[in-house]
């Protein structure tokens, strides 16, 4: 299996797990009476799992490069917290399909901008006609899925 195919497969499995995460957290949110509590529990379980993996692989350490990072890079957890809490709130209201299609459309648009300008340390990728056409198709799909 080529690395490109392997990386795509990992992303695909991650997408499946995100689809399952939203309704799972919605169940916790319903029982707790709060999507924020559901997000907190989700992150608590995640931090324990990631901590165990980092300790097991010997990668739980601070490096000089990490100390030199600009302050804004530490906001990544806030982005995830917003999405997890929003997904726990929205999944029972609009459904997992509409939620994730809208999220993917947002990710795609942000990804194209990040790629185009090489933001946040990413390599630059031009906005080619096939990339634009693919984005338009995804946005059209998001509109169709969101219509129920």
Foldseek 3Di string as FASTA:
>chain_A
DDPVVVVVVVVVVVLVVVLVLLVVLLVVCVVVVALLVSLVVVVVVVVVVVVVVCVVVVNPDDDPVNVPDDPVVVCVVVVVSVLSSVSSVCCVPQNSQLSVLVVVLVVLVVVQVCQCVVPPPRHHDNCDPVSVVVSVVSVVVSVVSSVD
